Amino acid sequence: MESIGKIVKIKGKSERQKVKVNPYLHSPAHLLADELCLKFNDKKHFGFYLKMATLYDHNFLRNLAGQVLEGKNVKTPGKLFAYLIKKNNQEKKIFN
């Protein structure tokens, strides 16, 4: 059984470690674009995800990304994500 003093020391050491922050991710749109790139393993199209993050609601994009990632047979999640956004735009035009 460890004493409280040892537990506090151990906890104190872990809190001192600083998390490396990417200086290029300076806005919520940049953070979301980076998150989508990492989830889809598609760093090459960061600009596309950044544009989508500036145009659309972040909750909508996260919901769409979740639907894409739940698909078991999806080979290229980035393409499916782009297709679903395009499909959503076409549906909005029909109803408006």
C-alpha atoms as a PDB file:
ATOM      1  CA  MET A   1       0.000   0.000   0.000  1.00  0.00           C
ATOM      2  CA  GLU A   2       1.449   3.345  -1.035  1.00  0.00           C
ATOM      3  CA  SER A   3       1.265   6.391   1.109  1.00  0.00           C
ATOM      4  CA  ILE A   4      -0.655   9.494   0.057  1.00  0.00           C
ATOM      5  CA  GLY A   5       2.614  11.410  -0.246  1.00  0.00           C
ATOM      6  CA  LYS A   6       3.918   9.064  -2.949  1.00  0.00           C
ATOM      7  CA  ILE A   7       0.661   9.225  -4.866  1.00  0.00           C
ATOM      8  CA  VAL A   8       0.688  13.027  -4.810  1.00  0.00           C
ATOM      9  CA  LYS A   9       4.309  13.079  -6.017  1.00  0.00           C
ATOM     10  CA  ILE A  10       3.535  10.709  -8.868  1.00  0.00           C
ATOM     11  CA  LYS A  11       0.484  12.706  -9.883  1.00  0.00           C
ATOM     12  CA  GLY A  12       2.435  15.958  -9.705  1.00  0.00           C
ATOM     13  CA  LYS A  13       5.090  14.687 -12.106  1.00  0.00           C
ATOM     14  CA  SER A  14       2.593  13.675 -14.772  1.00  0.00           C
ATOM     15  CA  GLU A  15       0.842  17.062 -14.672  1.00  0.00           C
ATOM     16  CA  ARG A  16       4.104  18.913 -15.315  1.00  0.00           C
ATOM     17  CA  GLN A  17       4.599  17.330 -18.718  1.00  0.00           C
ATOM     18  CA  LYS A  18       3.497  19.745 -21.407  1.00  0.00           C
ATOM     19  CA  VAL A  19       1.497  18.618 -24.380  1.00  0.00           C
ATOM     20  CA  LYS A  20       3.015  19.611 -27.711  1.00  0.00           C
ATOM     21  CA  VAL A  21       0.664  21.987 -29.465  1.00  0.00           C
ATOM     22  CA  ASN A  22       0.785  22.429 -33.217  1.00  0.00           C
ATOM     23  CA  PRO A  23       1.120  26.193 -33.871  1.00  0.00           C
ATOM     24  CA  TYR A  24      -0.575  25.856 -37.270  1.00  0.00           C
ATOM     25  CA  LEU A  25      -3.845  24.701 -35.739  1.00  0.00           C
ATOM     26  CA  HIS A  26      -5.058  28.063 -34.471  1.00  0.00           C
ATOM     27  CA  SER A  27      -8.805  27.971 -35.040  1.00  0.00           C
ATOM     28  CA  PRO A  28     -11.671  25.552 -34.475  1.00  0.00           C
ATOM     29  CA  ALA A  29     -11.879  24.985 -38.247  1.00  0.00           C
ATOM     30  CA  HIS A  30      -8.196  24.012 -38.376  1.00  0.00           C
ATOM     31  CA  LEU A  31      -8.627  21.642 -35.447  1.00  0.00           C
ATOM     32  CA  LEU A  32     -11.615  19.955 -37.069  1.00  0.00           C
ATOM     33  CA  ALA A  33      -9.815  19.647 -40.409  1.00  0.00           C
ATOM     34  CA  ASP A  34      -6.850  18.030 -38.663  1.00  0.00           C
ATOM     35  CA  GLU A  35      -9.182  15.684 -36.774  1.00  0.00           C
ATOM     36  CA  LEU A  36     -10.852  14.590 -40.013  1.00  0.00           C
ATOM     37  CA  CYS A  37      -7.495  14.086 -41.738  1.00  0.00           C
ATOM     38  CA  LEU A  38      -6.322  11.849 -38.937  1.00  0.00           C
ATOM     39  CA  LYS A  39      -9.549   9.839 -38.762  1.00  0.00           C
ATOM     40  CA  PHE A  40      -9.631   9.259 -42.513  1.00  0.00           C
ATOM     41  CA  ASN A  41      -5.839   8.853 -42.797  1.00  0.00           C
ATOM     42  CA  ASP A  42      -5.859  11.505 -45.524  1.00  0.00           C
ATOM     43  CA  LYS A  43      -3.362  14.267 -44.693  1.00  0.00           C
ATOM     44  CA  LYS A  44      -2.952  15.015 -48.390  1.00  0.00           C
ATOM     45  CA  HIS A  45      -6.400  16.639 -48.565  1.00  0.00           C
ATOM     46  CA  PHE A  46      -6.160  18.877 -45.486  1.00  0.00           C
ATOM     47  CA  GLY A  47      -7.246  21.878 -47.570  1.00  0.00           C
ATOM     48  CA  PHE A  48     -10.485  20.169 -48.574  1.00  0.00           C
ATOM     49  CA  TYR A  49     -11.336  19.361 -44.965  1.00  0.00           C
ATOM     50  CA  LEU A  50     -10.466  22.902 -43.910  1.00  0.00           C
ATOM     51  CA  LYS A  51     -12.799  24.326 -46.556  1.00  0.00           C
ATOM     52  CA  MET A  52     -15.600  22.015 -45.405  1.00  0.00           C
ATOM     53  CA  ALA A  53     -14.961  23.055 -41.786  1.00  0.00           C
ATOM     54  CA  THR A  54     -15.390  26.718 -42.729  1.00  0.00           C
ATOM     55  CA  LEU A  55     -18.545  26.139 -44.796  1.00  0.00           C
ATOM     56  CA  TYR A  56     -20.512  23.639 -42.709  1.00  0.00           C
ATOM     57  CA  ASP A  57     -21.555  23.208 -39.109  1.00  0.00           C
ATOM     58  CA  HIS A  58     -18.946  21.262 -37.151  1.00  0.00           C
ATOM     59  CA  ASN A  59     -21.507  18.991 -35.528  1.00  0.00           C
ATOM     60  CA  PHE A  60     -22.872  18.071 -38.962  1.00  0.00           C
ATOM     61  CA  LEU A  61     -19.369  17.205 -40.198  1.00  0.00           C
ATOM     62  CA  ARG A  62     -18.551  15.148 -37.110  1.00  0.00           C
ATOM     63  CA  ASN A  63     -21.836  13.278 -37.470  1.00  0.00           C
ATOM     64  CA  LEU A  64     -21.075  12.581 -41.129  1.00  0.00           C
ATOM     65  CA  ALA A  65     -17.548  11.425 -40.273  1.00  0.00           C
ATOM     66  CA  GLY A  66     -18.978   9.056 -37.678  1.00  0.00           C
ATOM     67  CA  GLN A  67     -21.316   7.556 -40.271  1.00  0.00           C
ATOM     68  CA  VAL A  68     -18.408   7.073 -42.672  1.00  0.00           C
ATOM     69  CA  LEU A  69     -16.189   5.469 -40.040  1.00  0.00           C
ATOM     70  CA  GLU A  70     -18.958   3.061 -38.983  1.00  0.00           C
ATOM     71  CA  GLY A  71     -19.032   1.590 -42.494  1.00  0.00           C
ATOM     72  CA  LYS A  72     -17.131  -1.699 -42.431  1.00  0.00           C
ATOM     73  CA  ASN A  73     -16.523  -1.984 -46.183  1.00  0.00           C
ATOM     74  CA  VAL A  74     -15.297   1.573 -46.766  1.00  0.00           C
ATOM     75  CA  LYS A  75     -11.922   1.539 -48.530  1.00  0.00           C
ATOM     76  CA  THR A  76     -11.585   5.284 -49.079  1.00  0.00           C
ATOM     77  CA  PRO A  77     -13.423   7.146 -46.310  1.00  0.00           C
ATOM     78  CA  GLY A  78     -12.392  10.571 -47.616  1.00  0.00           C
ATOM     79  CA  LYS A  79     -14.125   9.967 -50.947  1.00  0.00           C
ATOM     80  CA  LEU A  80     -17.271   8.727 -49.230  1.00  0.00           C
ATOM     81  CA  PHE A  81     -17.229  11.790 -46.956  1.00  0.00           C
ATOM     82  CA  ALA A  82     -16.999  14.109 -49.983  1.00  0.00           C
ATOM     83  CA  TYR A  83     -19.778  12.195 -51.748  1.00  0.00           C
ATOM     84  CA  LEU A  84     -22.098  12.477 -48.740  1.00  0.00           C
ATOM     85  CA  ILE A  85     -21.493  16.225 -48.541  1.00  0.00           C
ATOM     86  CA  LYS A  86     -22.271  16.551 -52.247  1.00  0.00           C
ATOM     87  CA  LYS A  87     -25.418  14.443 -51.810  1.00  0.00           C
ATOM     88  CA  ASN A  88     -26.513  16.657 -48.901  1.00  0.00           C
ATOM     89  CA  ASN A  89     -26.044  19.779 -51.042  1.00  0.00           C
ATOM     90  CA  GLN A  90     -28.153  18.303 -53.856  1.00  0.00           C
ATOM     91  CA  GLU A  91     -30.937  17.386 -51.427  1.00  0.00           C
ATOM     92  CA  LYS A  92     -30.962  20.930 -50.033  1.00  0.00           C
ATOM     93  CA  LYS A  93     -31.303  22.366 -53.573  1.00  0.00           C
ATOM     94  CA  ILE A  94     -34.290  20.154 -54.311  1.00  0.00           C
ATOM     95  CA  PHE A  95     -36.159  21.259 -51.202  1.00  0.00           C
ATOM     96  CA  ASN A  96     -35.325  24.957 -51.542  1.00  0.00           C
END
